[in-house]
PDB file of all heavy atoms in Angstrom:
ATOM      1  N   TYR A   1       0.834  -1.203   0.000  1.00  0.00           N
ATOM      2  CA  TYR A   1       0.000   0.000   0.000  1.00  0.00           C
ATOM      3  C   TYR A   1       0.869   1.252   0.000  1.00  0.00           C
ATOM      4  O   TYR A   1       0.628   2.192  -0.768  1.00  0.00           O
ATOM      5  CB  TYR A   1      -0.935  -0.003   1.209  1.00  0.00           C
ATOM      6  CG  TYR A   1      -1.714   1.281   1.366  1.00  0.00           C
ATOM      7  CD1 TYR A   1      -2.869   1.504   0.632  1.00  0.00           C
ATOM      8  CD2 TYR A   1      -1.285   2.296   2.221  1.00  0.00           C
ATOM      9  CE1 TYR A   1      -3.591   2.689   0.760  1.00  0.00           C
ATOM     10  CE2 TYR A   1      -1.983   3.480   2.365  1.00  0.00           C
ATOM     11  CZ  TYR A   1      -3.131   3.669   1.623  1.00  0.00           C
ATOM     12  OH  TYR A   1      -3.828   4.848   1.734  1.00  0.00           O
ATOM     13  N   TRP A   2       1.874   1.271   0.882  1.00  0.00           N
ATOM     14  CA  TRP A   2       2.743   2.446   0.985  1.00  0.00           C
ATOM     15  C   TRP A   2       3.606   2.589  -0.258  1.00  0.00           C
ATOM     16  O   TRP A   2       3.812   3.694  -0.761  1.00  0.00           O
ATOM     17  CB  TRP A   2       3.600   2.373   2.247  1.00  0.00           C
ATOM     18  CG  TRP A   2       2.750   2.209   3.468  1.00  0.00           C
ATOM     19  CD1 TRP A   2       2.653   1.108   4.263  1.00  0.00           C
ATOM     20  CD2 TRP A   2       1.799   3.157   3.992  1.00  0.00           C
ATOM     21  NE1 TRP A   2       1.724   1.321   5.252  1.00  0.00           N
ATOM     22  CE2 TRP A   2       1.190   2.569   5.113  1.00  0.00           C
ATOM     23  CE3 TRP A   2       1.419   4.445   3.631  1.00  0.00           C
ATOM     24  CZ2 TRP A   2       0.222   3.219   5.875  1.00  0.00           C
ATOM     25  CZ3 TRP A   2       0.463   5.099   4.384  1.00  0.00           C
ATOM     26  CH2 TRP A   2      -0.130   4.490   5.489  1.00  0.00           C
ATOM     27  N   GLN A   3       4.108   1.482  -0.762  1.00  0.00           N
ATOM     28  CA  GLN A   3       4.927   1.512  -1.976  1.00  0.00           C
ATOM     29  C   GLN A   3       4.106   1.996  -3.176  1.00  0.00           C
ATOM     30  O   GLN A   3       4.609   2.750  -4.009  1.00  0.00           O
ATOM     31  CB  GLN A   3       5.523   0.131  -2.232  1.00  0.00           C
ATOM     32  CG  GLN A   3       6.531  -0.252  -1.170  1.00  0.00           C
ATOM     33  CD  GLN A   3       6.910  -1.721  -1.196  1.00  0.00           C
ATOM     34  OE1 GLN A   3       6.207  -2.561  -1.742  1.00  0.00           O
ATOM     35  NE2 GLN A   3       8.051  -2.036  -0.589  1.00  0.00           N
ATOM     36  N   ASP A   4       2.846   1.586  -3.227  1.00  0.00           N
ATOM     37  CA  ASP A   4       1.968   2.007  -4.327  1.00  0.00           C
ATOM     38  C   ASP A   4       1.671   3.500  -4.291  1.00  0.00           C
ATOM     39  O   ASP A   4       1.338   4.092  -5.324  1.00  0.00           O
ATOM     40  CB  ASP A   4       0.646   1.225  -4.295  1.00  0.00           C
ATOM     41  CG  ASP A   4       0.812  -0.242  -4.636  1.00  0.00           C
ATOM     42  OD1 ASP A   4       1.890  -0.629  -5.156  1.00  0.00           O
ATOM     43  OD2 ASP A   4      -0.132  -1.014  -4.382  1.00  0.00           O
ATOM     44  N   HIS A   5       1.763   4.118  -3.120  1.00  0.00           N
ATOM     45  CA  HIS A   5       1.475   5.553  -2.988  1.00  0.00           C
ATOM     46  C   HIS A   5       2.737   6.423  -2.971  1.00  0.00           C
ATOM     47  O   HIS A   5       2.648   7.636  -2.831  1.00  0.00           O
ATOM     48  CB  HIS A   5       0.651   5.796  -1.717  1.00  0.00           C
ATOM     49  CG  HIS A   5      -0.766   5.338  -1.863  1.00  0.00           C
ATOM     50  ND1 HIS A   5      -1.149   4.034  -1.687  1.00  0.00           N
ATOM     51  CD2 HIS A   5      -1.875   6.013  -2.214  1.00  0.00           C
ATOM     52  CE1 HIS A   5      -2.435   3.920  -1.909  1.00  0.00           C
ATOM     53  NE2 HIS A   5      -2.905   5.115  -2.231  1.00  0.00           N
ATOM     54  N   PHE A   6       3.890   5.799  -3.131  1.00  0.00           N
ATOM     55  CA  PHE A   6       5.166   6.513  -3.061  1.00  0.00           C
ATOM     56  C   PHE A   6       5.247   7.641  -4.100  1.00  0.00           C
ATOM     57  O   PHE A   6       5.596   8.781  -3.763  1.00  0.00           O
ATOM     58  CB  PHE A   6       6.319   5.518  -3.256  1.00  0.00           C
ATOM     59  CG  PHE A   6       7.672   6.095  -2.985  1.00  0.00           C
ATOM     60  CD1 PHE A   6       8.170   6.146  -1.692  1.00  0.00           C
ATOM     61  CD2 PHE A   6       8.469   6.574  -4.019  1.00  0.00           C
ATOM     62  CE1 PHE A   6       9.436   6.667  -1.427  1.00  0.00           C
ATOM     63  CE2 PHE A   6       9.725   7.095  -3.767  1.00  0.00           C
ATOM     64  CZ  PHE A   6      10.199   7.142  -2.465  1.00  0.00           C
ATOM     65  N   ALA A   7       4.927   7.341  -5.356  1.00  0.00           N
ATOM     66  CA  ALA A   7       5.023   8.349  -6.421  1.00  0.00           C
ATOM     67  C   ALA A   7       4.054   9.510  -6.181  1.00  0.00           C
ATOM     68  O   ALA A   7       4.404  10.677  -6.408  1.00  0.00           O
ATOM     69  CB  ALA A   7       4.755   7.707  -7.785  1.00  0.00           C
ATOM     70  N   GLU A   8       2.876   9.197  -5.695  1.00  0.00           N
ATOM     71  CA  GLU A   8       1.872  10.223  -5.398  1.00  0.00           C
ATOM     72  C   GLU A   8       2.368  11.165  -4.297  1.00  0.00           C
ATOM     73  O   GLU A   8       2.233  12.388  -4.393  1.00  0.00           O
ATOM     74  CB  GLU A   8       0.590   9.516  -4.961  1.00  0.00           C
ATOM     75  CG  GLU A   8      -0.548  10.395  -4.545  1.00  0.00           C
ATOM     76  CD  GLU A   8      -1.717   9.561  -4.039  1.00  0.00           C
ATOM     77  OE1 GLU A   8      -1.959   8.457  -4.550  1.00  0.00           O
ATOM     78  OE2 GLU A   8      -2.397  10.040  -3.108  1.00  0.00           O
ATOM     79  N   VAL A   9       2.968  10.595  -3.272  1.00  0.00           N
ATOM     80  CA  VAL A   9       3.501  11.396  -2.173  1.00  0.00           C
ATOM     81  C   VAL A   9       4.691  12.224  -2.650  1.00  0.00           C
ATOM     82  O   VAL A   9       4.839  13.382  -2.271  1.00  0.00           O
ATOM     83  CB  VAL A   9       3.878  10.493  -0.972  1.00  0.00           C
ATOM     84  CG1 VAL A   9       4.614  11.277   0.105  1.00  0.00           C
ATOM     85  CG2 VAL A   9       2.625   9.849  -0.403  1.00  0.00           C
ATOM     86  N   LYS A  10       5.506  11.647  -3.517  1.00  0.00           N
ATOM     87  CA  LYS A  10       6.660  12.371  -4.063  1.00  0.00           C
ATOM     88  C   LYS A  10       6.213  13.622  -4.818  1.00  0.00           C
ATOM     89  O   LYS A  10       6.878  14.659  -4.768  1.00  0.00           O
ATOM     90  CB  LYS A  10       7.458  11.447  -4.986  1.00  0.00           C
ATOM     91  CG  LYS A  10       8.753  12.055  -5.477  1.00  0.00           C
ATOM     92  CD  LYS A  10       9.562  11.061  -6.271  1.00  0.00           C
ATOM     93  CE  LYS A  10      10.904  11.654  -6.667  1.00  0.00           C
ATOM     94  NZ  LYS A  10      11.773  10.666  -7.325  1.00  0.00           N
ATOM     95  N   GLU A  11       5.084  13.546  -5.496  1.00  0.00           N
ATOM     96  CA  GLU A  11       4.551  14.718  -6.216  1.00  0.00           C
ATOM     97  C   GLU A  11       3.909  15.719  -5.258  1.00  0.00           C
ATOM     98  O   GLU A  11       3.968  16.924  -5.485  1.00  0.00           O
ATOM     99  CB  GLU A  11       3.519  14.266  -7.248  1.00  0.00           C
ATOM    100  CG  GLU A  11       4.115  13.618  -8.465  1.00  0.00           C
ATOM    101  CD  GLU A  11       3.073  13.268  -9.513  1.00  0.00           C
ATOM    102  OE1 GLU A  11       1.998  13.927  -9.540  1.00  0.00           O
ATOM    103  OE2 GLU A  11       3.316  12.346 -10.298  1.00  0.00           O
ATOM    104  N   ALA A  12       3.287  15.219  -4.186  1.00  0.00           N
ATOM    105  CA  ALA A  12       2.553  16.088  -3.268  1.00  0.00           C
ATOM    106  C   ALA A  12       3.463  16.843  -2.296  1.00  0.00           C
ATOM    107  O   ALA A  12       3.161  17.979  -1.925  1.00  0.00           O
ATOM    108  CB  ALA A  12       1.533  15.262  -2.480  1.00  0.00           C
ATOM    109  N   LEU A  13       4.554  16.233  -1.886  1.00  0.00           N
ATOM    110  CA  LEU A  13       5.413  16.854  -0.871  1.00  0.00           C
ATOM    111  C   LEU A  13       5.916  18.256  -1.234  1.00  0.00           C
ATOM    112  O   LEU A  13       5.884  19.151  -0.384  1.00  0.00           O
ATOM    113  CB  LEU A  13       6.588  15.946  -0.527  1.00  0.00           C
ATOM    114  CG  LEU A  13       6.281  14.840   0.480  1.00  0.00           C
ATOM    115  CD1 LEU A  13       7.434  13.845   0.566  1.00  0.00           C
ATOM    116  CD2 LEU A  13       5.974  15.421   1.847  1.00  0.00           C
ATOM    117  N   PRO A  14       6.363  18.480  -2.468  1.00  0.00           N
ATOM    118  CA  PRO A  14       6.818  19.840  -2.791  1.00  0.00           C
ATOM    119  C   PRO A  14       5.717  20.898  -2.703  1.00  0.00           C
ATOM    120  O   PRO A  14       5.999  22.083  -2.581  1.00  0.00           O
ATOM    121  CB  PRO A  14       7.336  19.709  -4.229  1.00  0.00           C
ATOM    122  CG  PRO A  14       7.694  18.262  -4.362  1.00  0.00           C
ATOM    123  CD  PRO A  14       6.666  17.532  -3.537  1.00  0.00           C
ATOM    124  N   LEU A  15       4.455  20.478  -2.727  1.00  0.00           N
ATOM    125  CA  LEU A  15       3.333  21.406  -2.650  1.00  0.00           C
ATOM    126  C   LEU A  15       2.872  21.631  -1.207  1.00  0.00           C
ATOM    127  O   LEU A  15       2.087  22.532  -0.942  1.00  0.00           O
ATOM    128  CB  LEU A  15       2.159  20.873  -3.476  1.00  0.00           C
ATOM    129  CG  LEU A  15       2.470  20.549  -4.938  1.00  0.00           C
ATOM    130  CD1 LEU A  15       1.269  19.914  -5.617  1.00  0.00           C
ATOM    131  CD2 LEU A  15       2.923  21.797  -5.686  1.00  0.00           C
ATOM    132  N   ALA A  16       3.350  20.789  -0.302  1.00  0.00           N
ATOM    133  CA  ALA A  16       2.925  20.852   1.092  1.00  0.00           C
ATOM    134  C   ALA A  16       3.737  21.875   1.876  1.00  0.00           C
ATOM    135  O   ALA A  16       4.831  22.260   1.476  1.00  0.00           O
ATOM    136  CB  ALA A  16       3.086  19.469   1.736  1.00  0.00           C
ATOM    137  N   GLU A  17       3.187  22.295   2.994  1.00  0.00           N
ATOM    138  CA  GLU A  17       3.935  23.097   3.954  1.00  0.00           C
ATOM    139  C   GLU A  17       4.698  22.098   4.813  1.00  0.00           C
ATOM    140  O   GLU A  17       4.102  21.186   5.398  1.00  0.00           O
ATOM    141  CB  GLU A  17       2.974  23.936   4.797  1.00  0.00           C
ATOM    142  CG  GLU A  17       3.659  24.913   5.708  1.00  0.00           C
ATOM    143  CD  GLU A  17       2.675  25.841   6.418  1.00  0.00           C
ATOM    144  OE1 GLU A  17       1.485  25.872   6.055  1.00  0.00           O
ATOM    145  OE2 GLU A  17       3.122  26.520   7.350  1.00  0.00           O
ATOM    146  N   LEU A  18       6.003  22.249   4.871  1.00  0.00           N
ATOM    147  CA  LEU A  18       6.851  21.272   5.558  1.00  0.00           C
ATOM    148  C   LEU A  18       7.733  21.926   6.608  1.00  0.00           C
ATOM    149  O   LEU A  18       8.358  22.959   6.340  1.00  0.00           O
ATOM    150  CB  LEU A  18       7.763  20.553   4.553  1.00  0.00           C
ATOM    151  CG  LEU A  18       7.113  19.714   3.471  1.00  0.00           C
ATOM    152  CD1 LEU A  18       8.147  19.301   2.432  1.00  0.00           C
ATOM    153  CD2 LEU A  18       6.452  18.486   4.084  1.00  0.00           C
ATOM    154  N   TYR A  19       7.781  21.303   7.762  1.00  0.00           N
ATOM    155  CA  TYR A  19       8.745  21.649   8.793  1.00  0.00           C
ATOM    156  C   TYR A  19       9.567  20.398   9.045  1.00  0.00           C
ATOM    157  O   TYR A  19       9.017  19.289   9.100  1.00  0.00           O
ATOM    158  CB  TYR A  19       8.049  22.068  10.096  1.00  0.00           C
ATOM    159  CG  TYR A  19       7.354  23.397  10.007  1.00  0.00           C
ATOM    160  CD1 TYR A  19       6.039  23.483   9.560  1.00  0.00           C
ATOM    161  CD2 TYR A  19       8.001  24.564  10.386  1.00  0.00           C
ATOM    162  CE1 TYR A  19       5.388  24.707   9.482  1.00  0.00           C
ATOM    163  CE2 TYR A  19       7.364  25.791  10.318  1.00  0.00           C
ATOM    164  CZ  TYR A  19       6.054  25.858   9.863  1.00  0.00           C
ATOM    165  OH  TYR A  19       5.421  27.078   9.793  1.00  0.00           O
ATOM    166  N   ILE A  20      10.860  20.575   9.194  1.00  0.00           N
ATOM    167  CA  ILE A  20      11.730  19.423   9.399  1.00  0.00           C
ATOM    168  C   ILE A  20      12.535  19.577  10.678  1.00  0.00           C
ATOM    169  O   ILE A  20      12.771  20.686  11.152  1.00  0.00           O
ATOM    170  CB  ILE A  20      12.703  19.208   8.213  1.00  0.00           C
ATOM    171  CG1 ILE A  20      13.594  20.439   8.010  1.00  0.00           C
ATOM    172  CG2 ILE A  20      11.941  18.845   6.948  1.00  0.00           C
ATOM    173  CD1 ILE A  20      14.752  20.213   7.051  1.00  0.00           C
ATOM    174  N   HIS A  21      12.946  18.453  11.209  1.00  0.00           N
ATOM    175  CA  HIS A  21      13.883  18.419  12.328  1.00  0.00           C
ATOM    176  C   HIS A  21      15.184  17.857  11.788  1.00  0.00           C
ATOM    177  O   HIS A  21      15.191  16.855  11.074  1.00  0.00           O
ATOM    178  CB  HIS A  21      13.367  17.528  13.463  1.00  0.00           C
ATOM    179  CG  HIS A  21      14.330  17.439  14.595  1.00  0.00           C
ATOM    180  ND1 HIS A  21      15.314  16.475  14.659  1.00  0.00           N
ATOM    181  CD2 HIS A  21      14.466  18.206  15.706  1.00  0.00           C
ATOM    182  CE1 HIS A  21      16.010  16.648  15.771  1.00  0.00           C
ATOM    183  NE2 HIS A  21      15.525  17.693  16.418  1.00  0.00           N
ATOM    184  N   ARG A  22      16.270  18.527  12.108  1.00  0.00           N
ATOM    185  CA  ARG A  22      17.602  18.073  11.676  1.00  0.00           C
ATOM    186  C   ARG A  22      18.458  17.745  12.894  1.00  0.00           C
ATOM    187  O   ARG A  22      18.392  18.425  13.906  1.00  0.00           O
ATOM    188  CB  ARG A  22      18.327  19.153  10.882  1.00  0.00           C
ATOM    189  CG  ARG A  22      17.839  19.399   9.496  1.00  0.00           C
ATOM    190  CD  ARG A  22      18.763  20.382   8.777  1.00  0.00           C
ATOM    191  NE  ARG A  22      18.171  20.922   7.595  1.00  0.00           N
ATOM    192  CZ  ARG A  22      18.282  20.390   6.387  1.00  0.00           C
ATOM    193  NH1 ARG A  22      18.969  19.290   6.218  1.00  0.00           N
ATOM    194  NH2 ARG A  22      17.707  20.957   5.342  1.00  0.00           N
ATOM    195  N   ASP A  23      19.269  16.726  12.722  1.00  0.00           N
ATOM    196  CA  ASP A  23      20.349  16.424  13.652  1.00  0.00           C
ATOM    197  C   ASP A  23      21.613  16.564  12.823  1.00  0.00           C
ATOM    198  O   ASP A  23      21.883  15.729  11.961  1.00  0.00           O
ATOM    199  CB  ASP A  23      20.204  15.004  14.213  1.00  0.00           C
ATOM    200  CG  ASP A  23      21.283  14.680  15.222  1.00  0.00           C
ATOM    201  OD1 ASP A  23      21.940  15.603  15.736  1.00  0.00           O
ATOM    202  OD2 ASP A  23      21.483  13.475  15.500  1.00  0.00           O
ATOM    203  N   LYS A  24      22.335  17.647  13.051  1.00  0.00           N
ATOM    204  CA  LYS A  24      23.466  18.036  12.210  1.00  0.00           C
ATOM    205  C   LYS A  24      22.926  18.272  10.794  1.00  0.00           C
ATOM    206  O   LYS A  24      22.084  19.118  10.607  1.00  0.00           O
ATOM    207  CB  LYS A  24      24.587  17.015  12.280  1.00  0.00           C
ATOM    208  CG  LYS A  24      25.133  16.857  13.691  1.00  0.00           C
ATOM    209  CD  LYS A  24      26.247  15.861  13.755  1.00  0.00           C
ATOM    210  CE  LYS A  24      26.802  15.818  15.161  1.00  0.00           C
ATOM    211  NZ  LYS A  24      26.343  14.732  15.958  1.00  0.00           N
ATOM    212  N   ASP A  25      23.395  17.530   9.796  1.00  0.00           N
ATOM    213  CA  ASP A  25      22.919  17.750   8.421  1.00  0.00           C
ATOM    214  C   ASP A  25      21.881  16.720   7.979  1.00  0.00           C
ATOM    215  O   ASP A  25      21.503  16.684   6.811  1.00  0.00           O
ATOM    216  CB  ASP A  25      24.104  17.719   7.445  1.00  0.00           C
ATOM    217  CG  ASP A  25      25.002  18.938   7.604  1.00  0.00           C
ATOM    218  OD1 ASP A  25      24.500  19.980   8.078  1.00  0.00           O
ATOM    219  OD2 ASP A  25      26.193  18.846   7.273  1.00  0.00           O
ATOM    220  N   LYS A  26      21.437  15.895   8.900  1.00  0.00           N
ATOM    221  CA  LYS A  26      20.524  14.806   8.566  1.00  0.00           C
ATOM    222  C   LYS A  26      19.096  15.146   8.999  1.00  0.00           C
ATOM    223  O   LYS A  26      18.870  15.551  10.147  1.00  0.00           O
ATOM    224  CB  LYS A  26      21.009  13.547   9.297  1.00  0.00           C
ATOM    225  CG  LYS A  26      20.154  12.347   9.117  1.00  0.00           C
ATOM    226  CD  LYS A  26      20.737  11.188   9.930  1.00  0.00           C
ATOM    227  CE  LYS A  26      19.861   9.972   9.818  1.00  0.00           C
ATOM    228  NZ  LYS A  26      20.366   8.874  10.625  1.00  0.00           N
ATOM    229  N   ILE A  27      18.137  14.977   8.099  1.00  0.00           N
ATOM    230  CA  ILE A  27      16.731  15.159   8.457  1.00  0.00           C
ATOM    231  C   ILE A  27      16.305  13.925   9.251  1.00  0.00           C
ATOM    232  O   ILE A  27      16.486  12.787   8.806  1.00  0.00           O
ATOM    233  CB  ILE A  27      15.849  15.335   7.208  1.00  0.00           C
ATOM    234  CG1 ILE A  27      16.243  16.605   6.444  1.00  0.00           C
ATOM    235  CG2 ILE A  27      14.370  15.393   7.611  1.00  0.00           C
ATOM    236  CD1 ILE A  27      15.515  16.795   5.129  1.00  0.00           C
TER     237      ILE A  27
END
């Protein structure tokens, strides 16, 4: 299920509002 939605999420993420947590240079 998750693998089947991977491409859809890949397209949607750049359109989303995103906040990230980093540890050094790693998300």
